[in-house]
Protein backbone atom coordinates (compact mmCIF):
# COMPACT_ATOMS: atom_id res chain seq x y z
CA MET A 1 89.44 1.52 -64.11
CA LYS A 2 85.82 2.07 -63.25
CA LEU A 3 84.63 0.07 -66.26
CA LYS A 4 87.03 -2.71 -65.36
CA ARG A 5 85.76 -2.80 -61.74
CA THR A 6 82.19 -2.76 -62.93
CA ALA A 7 82.84 -5.60 -65.32
CA ILE A 8 84.58 -7.62 -62.61
CA ALA A 9 81.61 -6.99 -60.21
CA ILE A 10 79.15 -8.08 -62.85
CA ILE A 11 81.15 -11.23 -63.61
CA VAL A 12 81.45 -12.05 -59.88
CA GLY A 13 77.77 -11.40 -59.42
CA LEU A 14 76.87 -13.63 -62.32
CA PHE A 15 79.14 -16.31 -60.98
CA ILE A 16 77.57 -16.15 -57.54
CA TYR A 17 74.08 -16.13 -59.02
CA LEU A 18 74.80 -19.07 -61.30
CA SER A 19 76.40 -20.94 -58.43
CA LEU A 20 73.43 -20.31 -56.15
CA TYR A 21 71.04 -21.16 -58.98
CA SER A 22 72.83 -24.43 -59.65
CA TRP A 23 72.94 -25.22 -55.92
CA ASN A 24 69.25 -24.44 -55.56
CA LEU A 25 68.40 -26.69 -58.49
CA ARG A 26 70.12 -29.54 -56.74
CA SER A 27 68.96 -28.86 -53.11
CA GLY A 28 65.90 -26.55 -53.29
CA GLN A 29 67.08 -24.71 -50.15
CA LEU A 30 66.58 -21.23 -51.56
CA ASP A 31 62.97 -22.00 -52.51
CA ARG A 32 62.22 -23.21 -48.99
CA LEU A 33 63.95 -20.13 -47.52
CA ALA A 34 61.94 -17.82 -49.79
CA ASP A 35 58.70 -19.51 -48.79
CA TYR A 36 59.56 -19.21 -45.10
CA THR A 37 60.67 -15.57 -45.25
CA GLY A 38 57.69 -14.66 -47.44
CA LEU A 39 55.28 -16.09 -44.92
CA GLU A 40 56.93 -14.17 -42.13
CA ILE A 41 56.68 -10.93 -44.11
CA VAL A 42 53.02 -11.60 -44.80
CA LYS A 43 52.43 -12.44 -41.15
CA TRP A 44 53.95 -9.25 -39.79
CA SER A 45 52.24 -7.21 -42.48
CA LEU A 46 48.78 -8.56 -41.69
CA TRP A 47 49.09 -8.98 -37.91
CA PRO A 48 48.41 -5.30 -36.92
CA GLY A 49 45.28 -5.22 -39.05
CA GLU A 50 44.07 -8.52 -37.64
CA TRP A 51 44.75 -7.29 -34.08
CA VAL A 52 42.74 -4.10 -34.69
CA LEU A 53 39.94 -6.15 -36.26
CA ASP A 54 39.84 -8.61 -33.37
CA LYS A 55 39.73 -5.80 -30.82
CA SER A 56 37.01 -3.96 -32.74
CA VAL A 57 34.88 -7.08 -33.14
CA GLY A 58 35.39 -7.95 -29.46
CA PHE A 59 34.45 -4.44 -28.36
CA TRP A 60 31.34 -4.48 -30.57
CA ASP A 61 30.30 -7.91 -29.30
CA ARG A 62 30.72 -6.75 -25.69
CA TYR A 63 28.75 -3.56 -26.44
CA ILE A 64 25.91 -5.54 -28.04
CA TYR A 65 26.00 -7.95 -25.07
CA LEU A 66 25.84 -5.10 -22.57
CA VAL A 67 23.01 -3.43 -24.46
CA GLY A 68 21.09 -6.70 -24.49
CA LEU A 69 21.91 -7.25 -20.82
CA LYS A 70 20.62 -3.77 -19.96
CA GLU A 71 17.39 -4.37 -21.87
CA GLN A 72 16.97 -7.71 -20.10
CA ASN A 73 17.69 -6.05 -16.75
CA ASP A 74 15.14 -3.32 -17.50
CA GLN A 75 12.56 -5.97 -18.37
CA LEU A 76 13.28 -7.91 -15.19
CA SER A 77 13.11 -4.71 -13.14
CA SER A 78 9.76 -3.83 -14.71
CA GLN A 79 8.44 -7.34 -14.07
CA ASN A 80 9.71 -7.13 -10.47
CA ASN A 81 7.88 -3.82 -9.95
CA LEU A 82 4.69 -5.29 -11.40
CA MET A 83 5.00 -8.31 -9.12
CA ARG A 84 5.52 -6.04 -6.11
CA LEU A 85 2.45 -4.04 -7.06
CA GLU A 86 0.46 -7.24 -7.50
CA ILE A 87 1.64 -8.52 -4.10
CA MET A 88 0.65 -5.22 -2.47
CA THR A 89 -2.75 -5.36 -4.18
CA LEU A 90 -3.32 -8.96 -3.11
CA ARG A 91 -2.22 -8.12 0.43
CA GLU A 92 -4.64 -5.18 0.53
CA LYS A 93 -7.44 -7.42 -0.77
CA ALA A 94 -6.60 -10.06 1.85
CA GLU A 95 -6.72 -7.47 4.64
CA GLU A 96 -9.98 -6.11 3.24
CA SER A 97 -11.39 -9.64 3.16
CA GLU A 98 -10.40 -10.10 6.81
CA ARG A 99 -12.20 -6.87 7.72
CA PHE A 100 -15.30 -8.01 5.83
CA GLN A 101 -15.17 -11.37 7.59
CA GLU A 102 -15.05 -9.52 10.89
CA LEU A 103 -18.06 -7.42 9.87
CA LEU A 104 -19.98 -10.57 8.99
CA THR A 105 -19.48 -11.91 12.52
CA PHE A 106 -21.78 -9.18 13.89
CA SER A 107 -25.23 -10.44 14.77
CA PRO A 108 -27.86 -7.70 15.30
CA GLU A 109 -30.72 -7.74 17.78
CA GLU A 110 -34.01 -9.25 16.71
CA GLY A 111 -35.96 -6.77 14.60
CA TRP A 112 -32.80 -5.31 13.03
CA TYR A 113 -30.63 -6.21 10.06
CA VAL A 114 -27.27 -4.90 8.85
CA ASP A 115 -25.81 -3.73 5.56
CA GLY A 116 -22.17 -2.94 4.83
CA ALA A 117 -20.79 0.35 3.52
CA ARG A 118 -17.41 1.90 2.82
CA VAL A 119 -16.08 5.08 4.36
CA ILE A 120 -15.21 7.25 1.38
CA ALA A 121 -14.28 10.49 3.17
CA HIS A 122 -13.51 11.86 6.63
CA ARG A 123 -14.43 15.31 7.95
CA MET A 124 -12.89 15.58 11.38
CA GLY A 125 -11.03 18.17 13.41
CA PRO A 126 -11.31 21.94 13.99
CA SER A 127 -11.69 22.83 10.30
CA ALA A 128 -14.80 20.64 9.89
CA ALA A 129 -18.27 21.84 10.80
CA LEU A 130 -19.05 18.37 12.15
CA ASP A 131 -16.99 15.34 13.12
CA SER A 132 -18.44 13.20 10.36
CA ILE A 133 -17.72 10.61 7.69
CA ILE A 134 -19.15 10.12 4.20
CA LEU A 135 -20.47 6.64 3.44
CA SER A 136 -20.80 4.88 0.10
CA LYS A 137 -24.53 4.12 0.44
CA GLY A 138 -27.58 6.34 0.47
CA ALA A 139 -31.34 6.37 0.09
CA ILE A 140 -31.41 3.91 -2.83
CA SER A 141 -29.85 1.36 -0.45
CA GLY A 142 -32.43 2.02 2.25
CA VAL A 143 -30.40 4.51 4.29
CA VAL A 144 -32.54 7.03 6.17
CA ALA A 145 -31.84 9.72 8.74
CA ASP A 146 -30.73 8.37 12.14
CA THR A 147 -29.61 5.01 10.73
CA PRO A 148 -27.06 3.71 13.29
CA VAL A 149 -23.50 3.27 12.05
CA LEU A 150 -21.20 0.80 13.80
CA THR A 151 -18.48 -1.83 13.52
CA PRO A 152 -18.13 -5.12 15.41
CA LEU A 153 -15.99 -3.18 17.92
CA GLY A 154 -18.65 -0.63 18.72
CA VAL A 155 -20.86 2.28 17.70
CA VAL A 156 -19.45 4.85 15.27
CA GLY A 157 -22.40 7.28 15.03
CA ARG A 158 -25.60 7.80 13.07
CA VAL A 159 -26.62 9.05 9.64
CA VAL A 160 -27.63 12.71 9.66
CA GLN A 161 -27.88 13.44 5.93
CA PRO A 162 -28.80 10.61 3.57
CA GLY A 163 -28.15 11.31 -0.10
CA LEU A 164 -29.17 9.31 -3.14
CA SER A 165 -26.07 7.06 -3.31
CA SER A 166 -24.03 8.32 -0.35
CA SER A 167 -24.71 9.72 3.09
CA LYS A 168 -23.14 11.71 5.91
CA ALA A 169 -22.83 10.17 9.37
CA LEU A 170 -22.29 12.13 12.59
CA LEU A 171 -19.62 10.54 14.80
CA ILE A 172 -20.08 9.98 18.52
CA THR A 173 -17.13 12.33 19.10
CA ASP A 174 -19.00 15.35 17.69
CA LEU A 175 -20.21 18.03 20.10
CA ASN A 176 -23.79 17.49 18.92
CA SER A 177 -23.82 13.76 19.65
CA ARG A 178 -26.01 12.53 22.53
CA ILE A 179 -26.52 8.81 23.21
CA SER A 180 -28.19 7.13 26.18
CA VAL A 181 -25.79 4.53 27.68
CA ARG A 182 -25.42 2.24 30.66
CA GLY A 183 -22.47 0.44 32.24
CA GLN A 184 -22.06 -3.11 31.04
CA LEU A 185 -21.03 -4.29 34.50
CA HIS A 186 -22.88 -2.14 37.04
CA ARG A 187 -25.77 -1.06 34.73
CA SER A 188 -25.59 2.61 35.77
CA THR A 189 -27.18 4.89 33.17
CA GLY A 190 -26.05 8.22 31.73
CA LEU A 191 -25.91 10.33 28.58
CA LEU A 192 -22.77 10.01 26.45
CA VAL A 193 -21.83 13.42 25.01
CA GLY A 194 -19.19 14.13 22.37
CA SER A 195 -16.42 16.63 23.11
CA GLY A 196 -14.80 16.97 19.70
CA GLU A 197 -12.25 15.00 17.74
CA SER A 198 -9.31 13.63 19.82
CA GLU A 199 -11.11 14.58 23.05
CA THR A 200 -12.55 12.23 25.64
CA LEU A 201 -16.29 11.65 25.79
CA ASN A 202 -18.30 12.86 28.77
CA VAL A 203 -20.96 10.81 30.53
CA LYS A 204 -23.56 13.24 31.83
CA TYR A 205 -26.23 12.78 34.47
CA MET A 206 -24.77 9.68 36.10
CA LYS A 207 -25.87 9.86 39.73
CA LEU A 208 -23.32 10.56 42.44
CA ASN A 209 -23.94 7.22 44.17
CA ALA A 210 -24.12 5.23 40.91
CA PRO A 211 -21.70 2.28 40.80
CA VAL A 212 -19.23 2.64 37.90
CA SER A 213 -15.55 1.81 37.59
CA GLU A 214 -12.61 2.71 35.36
CA GLY A 215 -12.24 0.29 32.47
CA GLU A 216 -15.95 -0.54 32.42
CA ILE A 217 -17.50 -0.80 28.97
CA LEU A 218 -20.46 1.44 28.21
CA VAL A 219 -23.21 0.08 25.98
CA THR A 220 -26.29 1.61 24.41
CA SER A 221 -29.28 1.51 26.74
CA GLY A 222 -31.93 1.37 24.04
CA LEU A 223 -34.16 3.67 26.11
CA ALA A 224 -34.69 6.28 23.39
CA GLY A 225 -35.22 3.78 20.58
CA LEU A 226 -32.58 5.00 18.13
CA TYR A 227 -30.06 2.25 18.93
CA PRO A 228 -30.90 -1.29 20.02
CA PRO A 229 -29.73 -2.05 23.56
CA GLY A 230 -26.37 -3.60 24.34
CA LEU A 231 -24.17 -2.17 21.57
CA PRO A 232 -20.66 -1.43 22.92
CA ILE A 233 -19.73 2.20 22.46
CA ALA A 234 -17.03 3.47 24.86
CA LYS A 235 -14.76 2.59 27.77
CA VAL A 236 -14.64 4.52 31.04
CA VAL A 237 -11.20 6.04 31.68
CA SER A 238 -11.86 8.21 34.74
CA VAL A 239 -14.48 8.61 37.48
CA GLU A 240 -14.51 11.61 39.83
CA ARG A 241 -16.93 12.48 42.64
CA SER A 242 -17.62 16.08 43.56
CA ASP A 243 -18.97 17.67 46.74
CA ILE A 244 -20.74 20.40 44.78
CA SER A 245 -22.47 18.30 42.12
CA LEU A 246 -25.24 15.73 42.20
CA PHE A 247 -23.63 13.77 39.37
CA LEU A 248 -20.36 11.98 38.79
CA LYS A 249 -17.76 13.35 36.41
CA VAL A 250 -17.16 10.40 34.11
CA GLU A 251 -14.93 10.41 31.04
CA ALA A 252 -14.73 7.70 28.40
CA VAL A 253 -13.02 6.97 25.08
CA PRO A 254 -14.59 5.45 21.92
CA LEU A 255 -14.01 1.76 21.26
CA VAL A 256 -13.69 2.42 17.52
CA ASP A 257 -10.73 4.18 15.90
CA MET A 258 -12.69 6.80 13.99
CA GLU A 259 -9.81 8.04 11.85
CA ASN A 260 -8.80 4.61 10.51
CA THR A 261 -12.18 2.97 10.01
CA GLU A 262 -12.63 1.90 6.37
CA GLU A 263 -15.79 -0.21 6.42
CA VAL A 264 -18.87 0.09 8.63
CA LEU A 265 -22.22 -1.56 9.23
CA LEU A 266 -25.52 0.24 8.74
CA LEU A 267 -28.12 -0.98 11.17
CA HIS A 268 -31.64 -1.00 9.69
CA ARG A 269 -34.88 -1.68 11.46
CA ASN A 270 -37.21 -4.25 9.98
CA VAL A 271 -40.32 -2.67 8.50
CA ALA A 272 -42.61 -4.55 10.89
CA ASP A 273 -40.73 -3.02 13.87
CA ASN A 274 -40.56 0.54 12.54
CA SER A 275 -43.16 1.90 14.95
CA THR A 276 -40.67 2.78 17.71
CA SER A 277 -40.07 6.48 18.00
CA PRO A 278 -36.47 7.62 17.25
CA GLU A 279 -34.18 9.23 19.76
CA GLY A 280 -34.14 13.01 19.63
CA ASN A 281 -30.40 13.74 19.45
C-alpha cells in the first residue's frame, strides 16, 4: 500500500510539475514570481547589514565632524584670547601715551629742564625705612642727589640716592621730608613736614596771624634753592588756631597719588645756573 501511495504521489507531483512547467512556458508567470520573491529575500537579507553600516558611517561622520568642530572652536578660542590680550596691551599703551602727553605739558621755570623716568618700585608704609620710590634713571642720565621729582599735578619728592642706572627718591610724605612752601592765594609761608605714608602733612612755623584757608593750594617757595618757586605740592585741609602756640596748626594732603604714580619728571638745573646752594633737608 505504501509503495502504491508513493507511486501515486510521484505521478501526481510529476503531473502538477509538468502542468506548471507547460503553463509557465506559455505565460512566464512563474519566472516573474521567482524574480520578485528572490528580490524580496535578498532585500530582507541585506537590509540589517545595510542599516548597521549606515548607522556606523553616520556615527563616524558625526564624530569626525565634532572632533573638527572642537579643534576649530579651540582655535577660535585661542585667537579670541590673543585678541583680548592684544586689546589690553593696546589699551595700556594708549593710557601710557596719555600719561606721557600729560607729562609733556609741564613747562619748567627758566634755568631748569625736565627728563622723564618710570617708577619701577615702591617702598612705602611701616615696613619701609623710608617712604620712597625707585626710579628708572640714575647718574648716567644726569641724576644727582636732591634732584626734584614731580608730576604735572605736583611735587613727589627728591632724589636721595642716585645709582648708576636707577635712583631712590624720598617722598614728601616721609618723616624726614622738609620743604619750604607758601600759600598760592594768601602767600603765607611755612615748612611742609611729612608725617608718614597715609598721614596728613603738617605745615610748621606758619604764624598765628598768617592768612590761610582750607582748600588753598600750597606751592614751593623757592627760598632754599632746592625747588624752583611755584610748584604745586599740597592742599590745605584744616587750619586751627591755638591760645598756647605762636603758630597755626595747619594740615595738608599731597596733590599727587604717591601709590599709583607710574611716571615722573626729574627736574634738572641748567649748568649755567648751578651756583645756587641746595636746600638742607
